[in-house]
Amino acid sequence: VKPEPQAPPIPQNYDTALRAGTIRR
């Protein structure tokens, strides 16, 4: 059994994040 590597952060497209209301600019 090997140590679990840390997964990278998931980038979101700007339009998708804007529709979801998770970002502001």
PDB file of all heavy atoms in Angstrom:
ATOM      1  N   VAL A   1       0.846  -1.196   0.000  1.00  0.00           N
ATOM      2  CA  VAL A   1       0.000   0.000   0.000  1.00  0.00           C
ATOM      3  C   VAL A   1       0.881   1.245   0.000  1.00  0.00           C
ATOM      4  O   VAL A   1       1.791   1.383   0.821  1.00  0.00           O
ATOM      5  CB  VAL A   1      -0.941   0.009   1.224  1.00  0.00           C
ATOM      6  CG1 VAL A   1      -1.813   1.256   1.212  1.00  0.00           C
ATOM      7  CG2 VAL A   1      -1.811  -1.244   1.233  1.00  0.00           C
ATOM      8  N   LYS A   2       0.603   2.135  -0.941  1.00  0.00           N
ATOM      9  CA  LYS A   2       1.383   3.363  -1.078  1.00  0.00           C
ATOM     10  C   LYS A   2       0.611   4.548  -0.503  1.00  0.00           C
ATOM     11  O   LYS A   2      -0.625   4.541  -0.486  1.00  0.00           O
ATOM     12  CB  LYS A   2       1.692   3.628  -2.552  1.00  0.00           C
ATOM     13  CG  LYS A   2       2.482   2.513  -3.232  1.00  0.00           C
ATOM     14  CD  LYS A   2       2.662   2.808  -4.715  1.00  0.00           C
ATOM     15  CE  LYS A   2       3.397   1.669  -5.410  1.00  0.00           C
ATOM     16  NZ  LYS A   2       3.538   1.925  -6.877  1.00  0.00           N
ATOM     17  N   PRO A   3       1.309   5.581  -0.033  1.00  0.00           N
ATOM     18  CA  PRO A   3       0.617   6.786   0.442  1.00  0.00           C
ATOM     19  C   PRO A   3      -0.201   7.413  -0.675  1.00  0.00           C
ATOM     20  O   PRO A   3       0.225   7.429  -1.837  1.00  0.00           O
ATOM     21  CB  PRO A   3       1.767   7.701   0.887  1.00  0.00           C
ATOM     22  CG  PRO A   3       2.942   6.802   1.074  1.00  0.00           C
ATOM     23  CD  PRO A   3       2.775   5.673   0.112  1.00  0.00           C
ATOM     24  N   GLU A   4      -1.353   7.920  -0.333  1.00  0.00           N
ATOM     25  CA  GLU A   4      -2.230   8.532  -1.330  1.00  0.00           C
ATOM     26  C   GLU A   4      -1.704   9.914  -1.701  1.00  0.00           C
ATOM     27  O   GLU A   4      -1.559  10.784  -0.840  1.00  0.00           O
ATOM     28  CB  GLU A   4      -3.646   8.650  -0.768  1.00  0.00           C
ATOM     29  CG  GLU A   4      -4.684   9.132  -1.773  1.00  0.00           C
ATOM     30  CD  GLU A   4      -4.956   8.109  -2.861  1.00  0.00           C
ATOM     31  OE1 GLU A   4      -4.800   6.896  -2.603  1.00  0.00           O
ATOM     32  OE2 GLU A   4      -5.316   8.530  -3.967  1.00  0.00           O
ATOM     33  N   PRO A   5      -1.378  10.145  -2.978  1.00  0.00           N
ATOM     34  CA  PRO A   5      -0.889  11.476  -3.374  1.00  0.00           C
ATOM     35  C   PRO A   5      -2.006  12.505  -3.313  1.00  0.00           C
ATOM     36  O   PRO A   5      -3.184  12.183  -3.483  1.00  0.00           O
ATOM     37  CB  PRO A   5      -0.418  11.251  -4.817  1.00  0.00           C
ATOM     38  CG  PRO A   5      -1.243  10.110  -5.311  1.00  0.00           C
ATOM     39  CD  PRO A   5      -1.473   9.214  -4.125  1.00  0.00           C
ATOM     40  N   GLN A   6      -1.623  13.721  -3.064  1.00  0.00           N
ATOM     41  CA  GLN A   6      -2.611  14.800  -3.008  1.00  0.00           C
ATOM     42  C   GLN A   6      -3.069  15.147  -4.413  1.00  0.00           C
ATOM     43  O   GLN A   6      -2.251  15.372  -5.308  1.00  0.00           O
ATOM     44  CB  GLN A   6      -2.022  16.035  -2.331  1.00  0.00           C
ATOM     45  CG  GLN A   6      -3.026  17.163  -2.157  1.00  0.00           C
ATOM     46  CD  GLN A   6      -2.429  18.360  -1.427  1.00  0.00           C
ATOM     47  OE1 GLN A   6      -1.252  18.340  -1.067  1.00  0.00           O
ATOM     48  NE2 GLN A   6      -3.225  19.390  -1.199  1.00  0.00           N
ATOM     49  N   ALA A   7      -4.384  15.174  -4.601  1.00  0.00           N
ATOM     50  CA  ALA A   7      -4.938  15.516  -5.915  1.00  0.00           C
ATOM     51  C   ALA A   7      -4.805  17.014  -6.157  1.00  0.00           C
ATOM     52  O   ALA A   7      -4.907  17.818  -5.225  1.00  0.00           O
ATOM     53  CB  ALA A   7      -6.407  15.108  -5.984  1.00  0.00           C
ATOM     54  N   PRO A   8      -4.578  17.396  -7.404  1.00  0.00           N
ATOM     55  CA  PRO A   8      -4.464  18.828  -7.708  1.00  0.00           C
ATOM     56  C   PRO A   8      -5.816  19.516  -7.593  1.00  0.00           C
ATOM     57  O   PRO A   8      -6.860  18.866  -7.691  1.00  0.00           O
ATOM     58  CB  PRO A   8      -3.968  18.836  -9.155  1.00  0.00           C
ATOM     59  CG  PRO A   8      -4.496  17.563  -9.731  1.00  0.00           C
ATOM     60  CD  PRO A   8      -4.444  16.571  -8.607  1.00  0.00           C
ATOM     61  N   PRO A   9      -5.843  20.834  -7.374  1.00  0.00           N
ATOM     62  CA  PRO A   9      -7.123  21.549  -7.362  1.00  0.00           C
ATOM     63  C   PRO A   9      -7.781  21.502  -8.730  1.00  0.00           C
ATOM     64  O   PRO A   9      -7.099  21.442  -9.757  1.00  0.00           O
ATOM     65  CB  PRO A   9      -6.728  22.978  -6.981  1.00  0.00           C
ATOM     66  CG  PRO A   9      -5.285  23.098  -7.390  1.00  0.00           C
ATOM     67  CD  PRO A   9      -4.693  21.737  -7.176  1.00  0.00           C
ATOM     68  N   ILE A  10      -9.103  21.518  -8.742  1.00  0.00           N
ATOM     69  CA  ILE A  10      -9.849  21.423  -9.990  1.00  0.00           C
ATOM     70  C   ILE A  10     -10.117  22.827 -10.529  1.00  0.00           C
ATOM     71  O   ILE A  10     -10.847  23.609  -9.913  1.00  0.00           O
ATOM     72  CB  ILE A  10     -11.184  20.693  -9.785  1.00  0.00           C
ATOM     73  CG1 ILE A  10     -10.935  19.292  -9.233  1.00  0.00           C
ATOM     74  CG2 ILE A  10     -11.973  20.632 -11.079  1.00  0.00           C
ATOM     75  CD1 ILE A  10     -12.204  18.541  -8.907  1.00  0.00           C
ATOM     76  N   PRO A  11      -9.530  23.196 -11.679  1.00  0.00           N
ATOM     77  CA  PRO A  11      -9.834  24.514 -12.245  1.00  0.00           C
ATOM     78  C   PRO A  11     -11.228  24.532 -12.860  1.00  0.00           C
ATOM     79  O   PRO A  11     -11.693  23.532 -13.411  1.00  0.00           O
ATOM     80  CB  PRO A  11      -8.764  24.685 -13.332  1.00  0.00           C
ATOM     81  CG  PRO A  11      -8.399  23.291 -13.713  1.00  0.00           C
ATOM     82  CD  PRO A  11      -8.567  22.443 -12.494  1.00  0.00           C
ATOM     83  N   GLN A  12     -11.904  25.662 -12.726  1.00  0.00           N
ATOM     84  CA  GLN A  12     -13.234  25.830 -13.304  1.00  0.00           C
ATOM     85  C   GLN A  12     -13.191  26.882 -14.387  1.00  0.00           C
ATOM     86  O   GLN A  12     -12.479  27.884 -14.273  1.00  0.00           O
ATOM     87  CB  GLN A  12     -14.240  26.268 -12.232  1.00  0.00           C
ATOM     88  CG  GLN A  12     -14.777  25.160 -11.352  1.00  0.00           C
ATOM     89  CD  GLN A  12     -15.905  25.674 -10.476  1.00  0.00           C
ATOM     90  OE1 GLN A  12     -15.739  26.615  -9.711  1.00  0.00           O
ATOM     91  NE2 GLN A  12     -17.070  25.065 -10.579  1.00  0.00           N
ATOM     92  N   ASN A  13     -13.956  26.658 -15.452  1.00  0.00           N
ATOM     93  CA  ASN A  13     -14.099  27.696 -16.466  1.00  0.00           C
ATOM     94  C   ASN A  13     -14.823  28.888 -15.862  1.00  0.00           C
ATOM     95  O   ASN A  13     -15.726  28.733 -15.032  1.00  0.00           O
ATOM     96  CB  ASN A  13     -14.882  27.162 -17.662  1.00  0.00           C
ATOM     97  CG  ASN A  13     -14.087  26.137 -18.450  1.00  0.00           C
ATOM     98  OD1 ASN A  13     -12.856  26.123 -18.397  1.00  0.00           O
ATOM     99  ND2 ASN A  13     -14.786  25.273 -19.163  1.00  0.00           N
ATOM    100  N   TYR A  14     -14.450  30.076 -16.311  1.00  0.00           N
ATOM    101  CA  TYR A  14     -15.021  31.298 -15.736  1.00  0.00           C
ATOM    102  C   TYR A  14     -16.536  31.337 -15.885  1.00  0.00           C
ATOM    103  O   TYR A  14     -17.262  31.643 -14.934  1.00  0.00           O
ATOM    104  CB  TYR A  14     -14.389  32.527 -16.396  1.00  0.00           C
ATOM    105  CG  TYR A  14     -15.002  33.827 -15.932  1.00  0.00           C
ATOM    106  CD1 TYR A  14     -14.670  34.366 -14.709  1.00  0.00           C
ATOM    107  CD2 TYR A  14     -15.932  34.504 -16.732  1.00  0.00           C
ATOM    108  CE1 TYR A  14     -15.242  35.555 -14.272  1.00  0.00           C
ATOM    109  CE2 TYR A  14     -16.505  35.683 -16.315  1.00  0.00           C
ATOM    110  CZ  TYR A  14     -16.152  36.206 -15.075  1.00  0.00           C
ATOM    111  OH  TYR A  14     -16.743  37.375 -14.639  1.00  0.00           O
ATOM    112  N   ASP A  15     -17.032  31.016 -17.083  1.00  0.00           N
ATOM    113  CA  ASP A  15     -18.477  31.070 -17.314  1.00  0.00           C
ATOM    114  C   ASP A  15     -19.228  30.109 -16.401  1.00  0.00           C
ATOM    115  O   ASP A  15     -20.297  30.431 -15.873  1.00  0.00           O
ATOM    116  CB  ASP A  15     -18.792  30.747 -18.774  1.00  0.00           C
ATOM    117  CG  ASP A  15     -18.292  31.818 -19.725  1.00  0.00           C
ATOM    118  OD1 ASP A  15     -18.036  32.943 -19.250  1.00  0.00           O
ATOM    119  OD2 ASP A  15     -18.146  31.531 -20.928  1.00  0.00           O
ATOM    120  N   THR A  16     -18.660  28.915 -16.197  1.00  0.00           N
ATOM    121  CA  THR A  16     -19.300  27.925 -15.330  1.00  0.00           C
ATOM    122  C   THR A  16     -19.338  28.403 -13.895  1.00  0.00           C
ATOM    123  O   THR A  16     -20.366  28.305 -13.216  1.00  0.00           O
ATOM    124  CB  THR A  16     -18.539  26.587 -15.414  1.00  0.00           C
ATOM    125  OG1 THR A  16     -18.499  26.138 -16.768  1.00  0.00           O
ATOM    126  CG2 THR A  16     -19.206  25.530 -14.554  1.00  0.00           C
ATOM    127  N   ALA A  17     -18.214  28.931 -13.421  1.00  0.00           N
ATOM    128  CA  ALA A  17     -18.154  29.414 -12.041  1.00  0.00           C
ATOM    129  C   ALA A  17     -19.057  30.628 -11.834  1.00  0.00           C
ATOM    130  O   ALA A  17     -19.685  30.782 -10.785  1.00  0.00           O
ATOM    131  CB  ALA A  17     -16.708  29.762 -11.677  1.00  0.00           C
ATOM    132  N   LEU A  18     -19.146  31.481 -12.855  1.00  0.00           N
ATOM    133  CA  LEU A  18     -19.995  32.665 -12.744  1.00  0.00           C
ATOM    134  C   LEU A  18     -21.468  32.275 -12.644  1.00  0.00           C
ATOM    135  O   LEU A  18     -22.217  32.819 -11.830  1.00  0.00           O
ATOM    136  CB  LEU A  18     -19.764  33.584 -13.939  1.00  0.00           C
ATOM    137  CG  LEU A  18     -20.458  34.950 -13.908  1.00  0.00           C
ATOM    138  CD1 LEU A  18     -19.948  35.777 -12.726  1.00  0.00           C
ATOM    139  CD2 LEU A  18     -20.244  35.703 -15.209  1.00  0.00           C
ATOM    140  N   ARG A  19     -21.891  31.296 -13.460  1.00  0.00           N
ATOM    141  CA  ARG A  19     -23.279  30.842 -13.391  1.00  0.00           C
ATOM    142  C   ARG A  19     -23.596  30.180 -12.053  1.00  0.00           C
ATOM    143  O   ARG A  19     -24.713  30.296 -11.548  1.00  0.00           O
ATOM    144  CB  ARG A  19     -23.558  29.858 -14.526  1.00  0.00           C
ATOM    145  CG  ARG A  19     -23.676  30.489 -15.908  1.00  0.00           C
ATOM    146  CD  ARG A  19     -24.312  29.519 -16.894  1.00  0.00           C
ATOM    147  NE  ARG A  19     -23.536  28.290 -17.039  1.00  0.00           N
ATOM    148  CZ  ARG A  19     -22.590  28.129 -17.935  1.00  0.00           C
ATOM    149  NH1 ARG A  19     -22.290  29.109 -18.772  1.00  0.00           N
ATOM    150  NH2 ARG A  19     -21.925  26.982 -18.011  1.00  0.00           N
ATOM    151  N   ALA A  20     -22.586  29.524 -11.487  1.00  0.00           N
ATOM    152  CA  ALA A  20     -22.794  28.850 -10.203  1.00  0.00           C
ATOM    153  C   ALA A  20     -22.750  29.824  -9.032  1.00  0.00           C
ATOM    154  O   ALA A  20     -23.088  29.456  -7.911  1.00  0.00           O
ATOM    155  CB  ALA A  20     -21.746  27.761 -10.008  1.00  0.00           C
ATOM    156  N   GLY A  21     -22.335  31.046  -9.292  1.00  0.00           N
ATOM    157  CA  GLY A  21     -22.281  32.049  -8.232  1.00  0.00           C
ATOM    158  C   GLY A  21     -21.151  31.837  -7.248  1.00  0.00           C
ATOM    159  O   GLY A  21     -21.231  32.257  -6.098  1.00  0.00           O
ATOM    160  N   THR A  22     -20.052  31.197  -7.693  1.00  0.00           N
ATOM    161  CA  THR A  22     -18.941  30.906  -6.785  1.00  0.00           C
ATOM    162  C   THR A  22     -17.789  31.896  -6.913  1.00  0.00           C
ATOM    163  O   THR A  22     -16.812  31.792  -6.172  1.00  0.00           O
ATOM    164  CB  THR A  22     -18.402  29.487  -7.052  1.00  0.00           C
ATOM    165  OG1 THR A  22     -17.993  29.384  -8.420  1.00  0.00           O
ATOM    166  CG2 THR A  22     -19.478  28.441  -6.776  1.00  0.00           C
ATOM    167  N   ILE A  23     -17.871  32.834  -7.865  1.00  0.00           N
ATOM    168  CA  ILE A  23     -16.822  33.834  -8.013  1.00  0.00           C
ATOM    169  C   ILE A  23     -17.448  35.200  -8.265  1.00  0.00           C
ATOM    170  O   ILE A  23     -18.621  35.311  -8.612  1.00  0.00           O
ATOM    171  CB  ILE A  23     -15.869  33.492  -9.181  1.00  0.00           C
ATOM    172  CG1 ILE A  23     -16.652  33.441 -10.512  1.00  0.00           C
ATOM    173  CG2 ILE A  23     -15.118  32.213  -8.933  1.00  0.00           C
ATOM    174  CD1 ILE A  23     -15.756  33.339 -11.720  1.00  0.00           C
ATOM    175  N   ARG A  24     -16.650  36.238  -8.088  1.00  0.00           N
ATOM    176  CA  ARG A  24     -17.038  37.590  -8.482  1.00  0.00           C
ATOM    177  C   ARG A  24     -15.800  38.304  -8.994  1.00  0.00           C
ATOM    178  O   ARG A  24     -14.671  37.962  -8.638  1.00  0.00           O
ATOM    179  CB  ARG A  24     -17.641  38.353  -7.305  1.00  0.00           C
ATOM    180  CG  ARG A  24     -16.693  38.557  -6.141  1.00  0.00           C
ATOM    181  CD  ARG A  24     -17.417  39.190  -4.970  1.00  0.00           C
ATOM    182  NE  ARG A  24     -16.508  39.413  -3.837  1.00  0.00           N
ATOM    183  CZ  ARG A  24     -16.901  39.848  -2.642  1.00  0.00           C
ATOM    184  NH1 ARG A  24     -18.188  40.098  -2.435  1.00  0.00           N
ATOM    185  NH2 ARG A  24     -16.028  40.028  -1.678  1.00  0.00           N
ATOM    186  N   ARG A  25     -16.013  39.284  -9.860  1.00  0.00           N
ATOM    187  CA  ARG A  25     -14.898  39.999 -10.458  1.00  0.00           C
ATOM    188  C   ARG A  25     -15.235  41.471 -10.559  1.00  0.00           C
ATOM    189  O   ARG A  25     -16.354  41.836 -10.954  1.00  0.00           O
ATOM    190  CB  ARG A  25     -14.588  39.439 -11.845  1.00  0.00           C
ATOM    191  CG  ARG A  25     -13.327  40.036 -12.470  1.00  0.00           C
ATOM    192  CD  ARG A  25     -13.054  39.460 -13.851  1.00  0.00           C
ATOM    193  NE  ARG A  25     -14.001  40.004 -14.834  1.00  0.00           N
ATOM    194  CZ  ARG A  25     -13.918  39.780 -16.138  1.00  0.00           C
ATOM    195  NH1 ARG A  25     -12.956  39.005 -16.602  1.00  0.00           N
ATOM    196  NH2 ARG A  25     -14.798  40.292 -16.974  1.00  0.00           N
TER     197      ARG A  25
END
